PDB file of all heavy atoms in Angstrom:
ATOM      1  N   ASN A   1      11.675  20.373   3.890  1.00  0.00           N
ATOM      2  CA  ASN A   1      11.189  20.336   2.520  1.00  0.00           C
ATOM      3  C   ASN A   1      11.057  18.895   2.045  1.00  0.00           C
ATOM      4  O   ASN A   1      11.911  18.064   2.317  1.00  0.00           O
ATOM      5  CB  ASN A   1      12.148  21.073   1.578  1.00  0.00           C
ATOM      6  CG  ASN A   1      12.169  22.559   1.856  1.00  0.00           C
ATOM      7  OD1 ASN A   1      11.161  23.116   2.251  1.00  0.00           O
ATOM      8  ND2 ASN A   1      13.317  23.196   1.657  1.00  0.00           N
ATOM      9  N   THR A   2       9.989  18.608   1.339  1.00  0.00           N
ATOM     10  CA  THR A   2       9.813  17.286   0.755  1.00  0.00           C
ATOM     11  C   THR A   2       9.744  17.419  -0.755  1.00  0.00           C
ATOM     12  O   THR A   2       9.324  18.448  -1.283  1.00  0.00           O
ATOM     13  CB  THR A   2       8.517  16.618   1.267  1.00  0.00           C
ATOM     14  OG1 THR A   2       7.413  17.453   0.939  1.00  0.00           O
ATOM     15  CG2 THR A   2       8.584  16.401   2.769  1.00  0.00           C
ATOM     16  N   VAL A   3      10.187  16.389  -1.448  1.00  0.00           N
ATOM     17  CA  VAL A   3      10.165  16.383  -2.908  1.00  0.00           C
ATOM     18  C   VAL A   3       8.950  15.598  -3.365  1.00  0.00           C
ATOM     19  O   VAL A   3       8.775  14.435  -3.008  1.00  0.00           O
ATOM     20  CB  VAL A   3      11.452  15.733  -3.475  1.00  0.00           C
ATOM     21  CG1 VAL A   3      11.383  15.688  -4.998  1.00  0.00           C
ATOM     22  CG2 VAL A   3      12.683  16.502  -3.010  1.00  0.00           C
ATOM     23  N   GLU A   4       8.086  16.233  -4.125  1.00  0.00           N
ATOM     24  CA  GLU A   4       6.918  15.555  -4.658  1.00  0.00           C
ATOM     25  C   GLU A   4       7.288  14.936  -6.000  1.00  0.00           C
ATOM     26  O   GLU A   4       7.584  15.656  -6.964  1.00  0.00           O
ATOM     27  CB  GLU A   4       5.760  16.549  -4.823  1.00  0.00           C
ATOM     28  CG  GLU A   4       4.501  15.910  -5.413  1.00  0.00           C
ATOM     29  CD  GLU A   4       3.993  14.734  -4.586  1.00  0.00           C
ATOM     30  OE1 GLU A   4       4.015  14.819  -3.343  1.00  0.00           O
ATOM     31  OE2 GLU A   4       3.579  13.733  -5.197  1.00  0.00           O
ATOM     32  N   LEU A   5       7.331  13.635  -6.044  1.00  0.00           N
ATOM     33  CA  LEU A   5       7.727  12.920  -7.262  1.00  0.00           C
ATOM     34  C   LEU A   5       6.488  12.199  -7.776  1.00  0.00           C
ATOM     35  O   LEU A   5       6.144  11.113  -7.315  1.00  0.00           O
ATOM     36  CB  LEU A   5       8.848  11.926  -6.937  1.00  0.00           C
ATOM     37  CG  LEU A   5       9.605  11.323  -8.114  1.00  0.00           C
ATOM     38  CD1 LEU A   5      10.234  12.402  -8.981  1.00  0.00           C
ATOM     39  CD2 LEU A   5      10.685  10.382  -7.614  1.00  0.00           C
ATOM     40  N   ALA A   6       5.800  12.832  -8.715  1.00  0.00           N
ATOM     41  CA  ALA A   6       4.553  12.284  -9.249  1.00  0.00           C
ATOM     42  C   ALA A   6       4.812  10.946  -9.936  1.00  0.00           C
ATOM     43  O   ALA A   6       5.915  10.707 -10.445  1.00  0.00           O
ATOM     44  CB  ALA A   6       3.950  13.266 -10.238  1.00  0.00           C
ATOM     45  N   PRO A   7       3.810  10.057  -9.954  1.00  0.00           N
ATOM     46  CA  PRO A   7       4.017   8.731 -10.554  1.00  0.00           C
ATOM     47  C   PRO A   7       4.578   8.757 -11.968  1.00  0.00           C
ATOM     48  O   PRO A   7       5.458   7.952 -12.300  1.00  0.00           O
ATOM     49  CB  PRO A   7       2.611   8.119 -10.507  1.00  0.00           C
ATOM     50  CG  PRO A   7       1.977   8.730  -9.298  1.00  0.00           C
ATOM     51  CD  PRO A   7       2.486  10.138  -9.289  1.00  0.00           C
ATOM     52  N   HIS A   8       4.108   9.677 -12.825  1.00  0.00           N
ATOM     53  CA  HIS A   8       4.610   9.674 -14.210  1.00  0.00           C
ATOM     54  C   HIS A   8       6.064  10.128 -14.270  1.00  0.00           C
ATOM     55  O   HIS A   8       6.847   9.626 -15.089  1.00  0.00           O
ATOM     56  CB  HIS A   8       3.731  10.546 -15.112  1.00  0.00           C
ATOM     57  CG  HIS A   8       3.816  12.011 -14.836  1.00  0.00           C
ATOM     58  ND1 HIS A   8       3.134  12.615 -13.802  1.00  0.00           N
ATOM     59  CD2 HIS A   8       4.511  13.000 -15.455  1.00  0.00           C
ATOM     60  CE1 HIS A   8       3.400  13.907 -13.789  1.00  0.00           C
ATOM     61  NE2 HIS A   8       4.228  14.171 -14.787  1.00  0.00           N
ATOM     62  N   ARG A   9       6.452  11.060 -13.417  1.00  0.00           N
ATOM     63  CA  ARG A   9       7.864  11.477 -13.360  1.00  0.00           C
ATOM     64  C   ARG A   9       8.719  10.352 -12.802  1.00  0.00           C
ATOM     65  O   ARG A   9       9.830  10.096 -13.279  1.00  0.00           O
ATOM     66  CB  ARG A   9       8.022  12.724 -12.495  1.00  0.00           C
ATOM     67  CG  ARG A   9       7.479  14.000 -13.131  1.00  0.00           C
ATOM     68  CD  ARG A   9       7.895  15.223 -12.326  1.00  0.00           C
ATOM     69  NE  ARG A   9       9.339  15.313 -12.230  1.00  0.00           N
ATOM     70  CZ  ARG A   9      10.006  15.701 -11.134  1.00  0.00           C
ATOM     71  NH1 ARG A   9       9.334  16.027 -10.025  1.00  0.00           N
ATOM     72  NH2 ARG A   9      11.319  15.764 -11.119  1.00  0.00           N
ATOM     73  N   PHE A  10       8.200   9.684 -11.781  1.00  0.00           N
ATOM     74  CA  PHE A  10       8.920   8.564 -11.189  1.00  0.00           C
ATOM     75  C   PHE A  10       9.128   7.457 -12.213  1.00  0.00           C
ATOM     76  O   PHE A  10      10.208   6.856 -12.292  1.00  0.00           O
ATOM     77  CB  PHE A  10       8.138   8.037  -9.985  1.00  0.00           C
ATOM     78  CG  PHE A  10       8.782   6.872  -9.288  1.00  0.00           C
ATOM     79  CD1 PHE A  10      10.002   7.004  -8.651  1.00  0.00           C
ATOM     80  CD2 PHE A  10       8.161   5.627  -9.267  1.00  0.00           C
ATOM     81  CE1 PHE A  10      10.595   5.931  -8.001  1.00  0.00           C
ATOM     82  CE2 PHE A  10       8.742   4.553  -8.628  1.00  0.00           C
ATOM     83  CZ  PHE A  10       9.962   4.702  -7.986  1.00  0.00           C
ATOM     84  N   ALA A  11       8.102   7.184 -13.035  1.00  0.00           N
ATOM     85  CA  ALA A  11       8.216   6.140 -14.054  1.00  0.00           C
ATOM     86  C   ALA A  11       9.385   6.414 -14.991  1.00  0.00           C
ATOM     87  O   ALA A  11      10.140   5.500 -15.357  1.00  0.00           O
ATOM     88  CB  ALA A  11       6.912   6.036 -14.850  1.00  0.00           C
ATOM     89  N   GLY A  12       9.551   7.674 -15.396  1.00  0.00           N
ATOM     90  CA  GLY A  12      10.645   8.015 -16.293  1.00  0.00           C
ATOM     91  C   GLY A  12      12.006   7.911 -15.634  1.00  0.00           C
ATOM     92  O   GLY A  12      12.988   7.486 -16.268  1.00  0.00           O
ATOM     93  N   LEU A  13      12.105   8.291 -14.362  1.00  0.00           N
ATOM     94  CA  LEU A  13      13.377   8.204 -13.646  1.00  0.00           C
ATOM     95  C   LEU A  13      13.735   6.770 -13.282  1.00  0.00           C
ATOM     96  O   LEU A  13      14.915   6.387 -13.264  1.00  0.00           O
ATOM     97  CB  LEU A  13      13.313   9.051 -12.375  1.00  0.00           C
ATOM     98  CG  LEU A  13      13.213  10.568 -12.570  1.00  0.00           C
ATOM     99  CD1 LEU A  13      12.908  11.252 -11.240  1.00  0.00           C
ATOM    100  CD2 LEU A  13      14.508  11.111 -13.168  1.00  0.00           C
ATOM    101  N   LEU A  14      12.708   5.965 -12.990  1.00  0.00           N
ATOM    102  CA  LEU A  14      12.953   4.604 -12.529  1.00  0.00           C
ATOM    103  C   LEU A  14      13.431   3.686 -13.649  1.00  0.00           C
ATOM    104  O   LEU A  14      14.253   2.797 -13.415  1.00  0.00           O
ATOM    105  CB  LEU A  14      11.673   4.029 -11.910  1.00  0.00           C
ATOM    106  CG  LEU A  14      11.816   2.668 -11.239  1.00  0.00           C
ATOM    107  CD1 LEU A  14      12.635   2.777  -9.968  1.00  0.00           C
ATOM    108  CD2 LEU A  14      10.442   2.070 -10.929  1.00  0.00           C
ATOM    109  N   ALA A  15      12.923   3.885 -14.855  1.00  0.00           N
ATOM    110  CA  ALA A  15      13.188   2.934 -15.943  1.00  0.00           C
ATOM    111  C   ALA A  15      14.672   2.665 -16.157  1.00  0.00           C
ATOM    112  O   ALA A  15      15.084   1.494 -16.205  1.00  0.00           O
ATOM    113  CB  ALA A  15      12.525   3.416 -17.231  1.00  0.00           C
ATOM    114  N   PRO A  16      15.540   3.684 -16.301  1.00  0.00           N
ATOM    115  CA  PRO A  16      16.962   3.374 -16.509  1.00  0.00           C
ATOM    116  C   PRO A  16      17.622   2.729 -15.294  1.00  0.00           C
ATOM    117  O   PRO A  16      18.542   1.909 -15.437  1.00  0.00           O
ATOM    118  CB  PRO A  16      17.589   4.735 -16.832  1.00  0.00           C
ATOM    119  CG  PRO A  16      16.622   5.743 -16.303  1.00  0.00           C
ATOM    120  CD  PRO A  16      15.273   5.125 -16.417  1.00  0.00           C
ATOM    121  N   ALA A  17      17.148   3.063 -14.098  1.00  0.00           N
ATOM    122  CA  ALA A  17      17.705   2.443 -12.888  1.00  0.00           C
ATOM    123  C   ALA A  17      17.347   0.968 -12.819  1.00  0.00           C
ATOM    124  O   ALA A  17      18.173   0.116 -12.450  1.00  0.00           O
ATOM    125  CB  ALA A  17      17.196   3.176 -11.647  1.00  0.00           C
ATOM    126  N   VAL A  18      16.106   0.635 -13.188  1.00  0.00           N
ATOM    127  CA  VAL A  18      15.679  -0.760 -13.245  1.00  0.00           C
ATOM    128  C   VAL A  18      16.481  -1.510 -14.297  1.00  0.00           C
ATOM    129  O   VAL A  18      16.967  -2.628 -14.064  1.00  0.00           O
ATOM    130  CB  VAL A  18      14.164  -0.846 -13.549  1.00  0.00           C
ATOM    131  CG1 VAL A  18      13.769  -2.265 -13.955  1.00  0.00           C
ATOM    132  CG2 VAL A  18      13.363  -0.401 -12.334  1.00  0.00           C
ATOM    133  N   ASP A  19      16.639  -0.919 -15.466  1.00  0.00           N
ATOM    134  CA  ASP A  19      17.395  -1.564 -16.540  1.00  0.00           C
ATOM    135  C   ASP A  19      18.826  -1.860 -16.103  1.00  0.00           C
ATOM    136  O   ASP A  19      19.356  -2.951 -16.367  1.00  0.00           O
ATOM    137  CB  ASP A  19      17.432  -0.675 -17.783  1.00  0.00           C
ATOM    138  CG  ASP A  19      16.111  -0.667 -18.538  1.00  0.00           C
ATOM    139  OD1 ASP A  19      15.227  -1.479 -18.215  1.00  0.00           O
ATOM    140  OD2 ASP A  19      15.965   0.162 -19.458  1.00  0.00           O
ATOM    141  N   ARG A  20      19.469  -0.890 -15.458  1.00  0.00           N
ATOM    142  CA  ARG A  20      20.866  -1.068 -15.049  1.00  0.00           C
ATOM    143  C   ARG A  20      21.022  -2.227 -14.066  1.00  0.00           C
ATOM    144  O   ARG A  20      21.892  -3.099 -14.230  1.00  0.00           O
ATOM    145  CB  ARG A  20      21.398   0.221 -14.408  1.00  0.00           C
ATOM    146  CG  ARG A  20      22.890   0.171 -14.054  1.00  0.00           C
ATOM    147  CD  ARG A  20      23.295   1.360 -13.209  1.00  0.00           C
ATOM    148  NE  ARG A  20      22.813   1.271 -11.850  1.00  0.00           N
ATOM    149  CZ  ARG A  20      23.449   0.617 -10.863  1.00  0.00           C
ATOM    150  NH1 ARG A  20      24.596  -0.005 -11.088  1.00  0.00           N
ATOM    151  NH2 ARG A  20      22.936   0.584  -9.650  1.00  0.00           N
ATOM    152  N   ALA A  21      20.168  -2.269 -13.041  1.00  0.00           N
ATOM    153  CA  ALA A  21      20.274  -3.323 -12.033  1.00  0.00           C
ATOM    154  C   ALA A  21      19.939  -4.687 -12.632  1.00  0.00           C
ATOM    155  O   ALA A  21      20.610  -5.690 -12.339  1.00  0.00           O
ATOM    156  CB  ALA A  21      19.358  -3.011 -10.853  1.00  0.00           C
ATOM    157  N   PHE A  22      18.900  -4.735 -13.459  1.00  0.00           N
ATOM    158  CA  PHE A  22      18.511  -6.007 -14.067  1.00  0.00           C
ATOM    159  C   PHE A  22      19.615  -6.532 -14.981  1.00  0.00           C
ATOM    160  O   PHE A  22      19.979  -7.719 -14.916  1.00  0.00           O
ATOM    161  CB  PHE A  22      17.217  -5.829 -14.854  1.00  0.00           C
ATOM    162  CG  PHE A  22      16.812  -7.055 -15.630  1.00  0.00           C
ATOM    163  CD1 PHE A  22      16.267  -8.155 -14.984  1.00  0.00           C
ATOM    164  CD2 PHE A  22      17.004  -7.122 -17.007  1.00  0.00           C
ATOM    165  CE1 PHE A  22      15.906  -9.290 -15.691  1.00  0.00           C
ATOM    166  CE2 PHE A  22      16.640  -8.251 -17.715  1.00  0.00           C
ATOM    167  CZ  PHE A  22      16.087  -9.341 -17.060  1.00  0.00           C
ATOM    168  N   ARG A  23      20.153  -5.689 -15.820  1.00  0.00           N
ATOM    169  CA  ARG A  23      21.196  -6.137 -16.744  1.00  0.00           C
ATOM    170  C   ARG A  23      22.455  -6.569 -16.015  1.00  0.00           C
ATOM    171  O   ARG A  23      23.125  -7.513 -16.427  1.00  0.00           O
ATOM    172  CB  ARG A  23      21.492  -5.027 -17.759  1.00  0.00           C
ATOM    173  CG  ARG A  23      20.373  -4.855 -18.777  1.00  0.00           C
ATOM    174  CD  ARG A  23      20.554  -3.639 -19.646  1.00  0.00           C
ATOM    175  NE  ARG A  23      19.495  -3.537 -20.638  1.00  0.00           N
ATOM    176  CZ  ARG A  23      19.168  -2.442 -21.277  1.00  0.00           C
ATOM    177  NH1 ARG A  23      19.820  -1.310 -21.033  1.00  0.00           N
ATOM    178  NH2 ARG A  23      18.190  -2.444 -22.171  1.00  0.00           N
ATOM    179  N   ALA A  24      22.770  -5.876 -14.916  1.00  0.00           N
ATOM    180  CA  ALA A  24      23.930  -6.280 -14.121  1.00  0.00           C
ATOM    181  C   ALA A  24      23.745  -7.688 -13.569  1.00  0.00           C
ATOM    182  O   ALA A  24      24.665  -8.514 -13.598  1.00  0.00           O
ATOM    183  CB  ALA A  24      24.155  -5.293 -12.972  1.00  0.00           C
ATOM    184  N   GLY A  25      22.535  -7.980 -13.074  1.00  0.00           N
ATOM    185  CA  GLY A  25      22.265  -9.315 -12.546  1.00  0.00           C
ATOM    186  C   GLY A  25      22.297 -10.384 -13.618  1.00  0.00           C
ATOM    187  O   GLY A  25      22.854 -11.469 -13.417  1.00  0.00           O
ATOM    188  N   MET A  26      21.717 -10.095 -14.787  1.00  0.00           N
ATOM    189  CA  MET A  26      21.709 -11.084 -15.859  1.00  0.00           C
ATOM    190  C   MET A  26      23.101 -11.306 -16.426  1.00  0.00           C
ATOM    191  O   MET A  26      23.477 -12.443 -16.754  1.00  0.00           O
ATOM    192  CB  MET A  26      20.747 -10.639 -16.966  1.00  0.00           C
ATOM    193  CG  MET A  26      19.284 -10.664 -16.560  1.00  0.00           C
ATOM    194  SD  MET A  26      18.689 -12.298 -16.022  1.00  0.00           S
ATOM    195  CE  MET A  26      18.736 -13.208 -17.577  1.00  0.00           C
ATOM    196  N   LEU A  27      23.887 -10.235 -16.547  1.00  0.00           N
ATOM    197  CA  LEU A  27      25.265 -10.382 -17.024  1.00  0.00           C
ATOM    198  C   LEU A  27      26.082 -11.203 -16.040  1.00  0.00           C
ATOM    199  O   LEU A  27      26.866 -12.080 -16.437  1.00  0.00           O
ATOM    200  CB  LEU A  27      25.894  -8.999 -17.214  1.00  0.00           C
ATOM    201  CG  LEU A  27      27.334  -8.979 -17.729  1.00  0.00           C
ATOM    202  CD1 LEU A  27      27.424  -9.616 -19.121  1.00  0.00           C
ATOM    203  CD2 LEU A  27      27.870  -7.541 -17.779  1.00  0.00           C
ATOM    204  N   ALA A  28      25.890 -10.939 -14.748  1.00  0.00           N
ATOM    205  CA  ALA A  28      26.594 -11.729 -13.733  1.00  0.00           C
ATOM    206  C   ALA A  28      26.183 -13.192 -13.829  1.00  0.00           C
ATOM    207  O   ALA A  28      27.019 -14.095 -13.670  1.00  0.00           O
ATOM    208  CB  ALA A  28      26.294 -11.178 -12.338  1.00  0.00           C
ATOM    209  N   GLY A  29      24.903 -13.443 -14.100  1.00  0.00           N
ATOM    210  CA  GLY A  29      24.440 -14.813 -14.253  1.00  0.00           C
ATOM    211  C   GLY A  29      25.081 -15.513 -15.430  1.00  0.00           C
ATOM    212  O   GLY A  29      25.489 -16.680 -15.346  1.00  0.00           O
ATOM    213  N   ARG A  30      25.192 -14.804 -16.547  1.00  0.00           N
ATOM    214  CA  ARG A  30      25.824 -15.403 -17.734  1.00  0.00           C
ATOM    215  C   ARG A  30      27.292 -15.711 -17.475  1.00  0.00           C
ATOM    216  O   ARG A  30      27.778 -16.807 -17.772  1.00  0.00           O
ATOM    217  CB  ARG A  30      25.710 -14.435 -18.922  1.00  0.00           C
ATOM    218  CG  ARG A  30      26.197 -15.014 -20.241  1.00  0.00           C
ATOM    219  CD  ARG A  30      26.406 -13.938 -21.279  1.00  0.00           C
ATOM    220  NE  ARG A  30      27.557 -13.101 -20.931  1.00  0.00           N
ATOM    221  CZ  ARG A  30      27.907 -11.992 -21.571  1.00  0.00           C
ATOM    222  NH1 ARG A  30      27.145 -11.552 -22.569  1.00  0.00           N
ATOM    223  NH2 ARG A  30      28.975 -11.297 -21.202  1.00  0.00           N
ATOM    224  N   ASP A  31      27.998 -14.723 -16.902  1.00  0.00           N
ATOM    225  CA  ASP A  31      29.439 -14.895 -16.690  1.00  0.00           C
ATOM    226  C   ASP A  31      29.753 -15.772 -15.480  1.00  0.00           C
ATOM    227  O   ASP A  31      30.862 -16.316 -15.383  1.00  0.00           O
ATOM    228  CB  ASP A  31      30.105 -13.525 -16.504  1.00  0.00           C
ATOM    229  CG  ASP A  31      30.024 -12.668 -17.758  1.00  0.00           C
ATOM    230  OD1 ASP A  31      29.743 -13.229 -18.834  1.00  0.00           O
ATOM    231  OD2 ASP A  31      30.225 -11.445 -17.652  1.00  0.00           O
ATOM    232  N   GLY A  32      28.789 -15.895 -14.565  1.00  0.00           N
ATOM    233  CA  GLY A  32      29.037 -16.631 -13.330  1.00  0.00           C
ATOM    234  C   GLY A  32      28.569 -18.073 -13.361  1.00  0.00           C
ATOM    235  O   GLY A  32      28.383 -18.681 -12.307  1.00  0.00           O
ATOM    236  N   GLY A  33      28.355 -18.622 -14.526  1.00  0.00           N
ATOM    237  CA  GLY A  33      27.974 -20.028 -14.634  1.00  0.00           C
ATOM    238  C   GLY A  33      26.833 -20.279 -15.591  1.00  0.00           C
ATOM    239  O   GLY A  33      26.619 -21.406 -16.028  1.00  0.00           O
TER     240      GLY A  33
END
């Protein structure tokens, strides 16, 4: 079985994952120097 993840559905799922990783990196940058 394969999961069909249409682009518009993917866009909604991806946004919070992108935000989490980006904010983690920027926070580490602020606290790490």
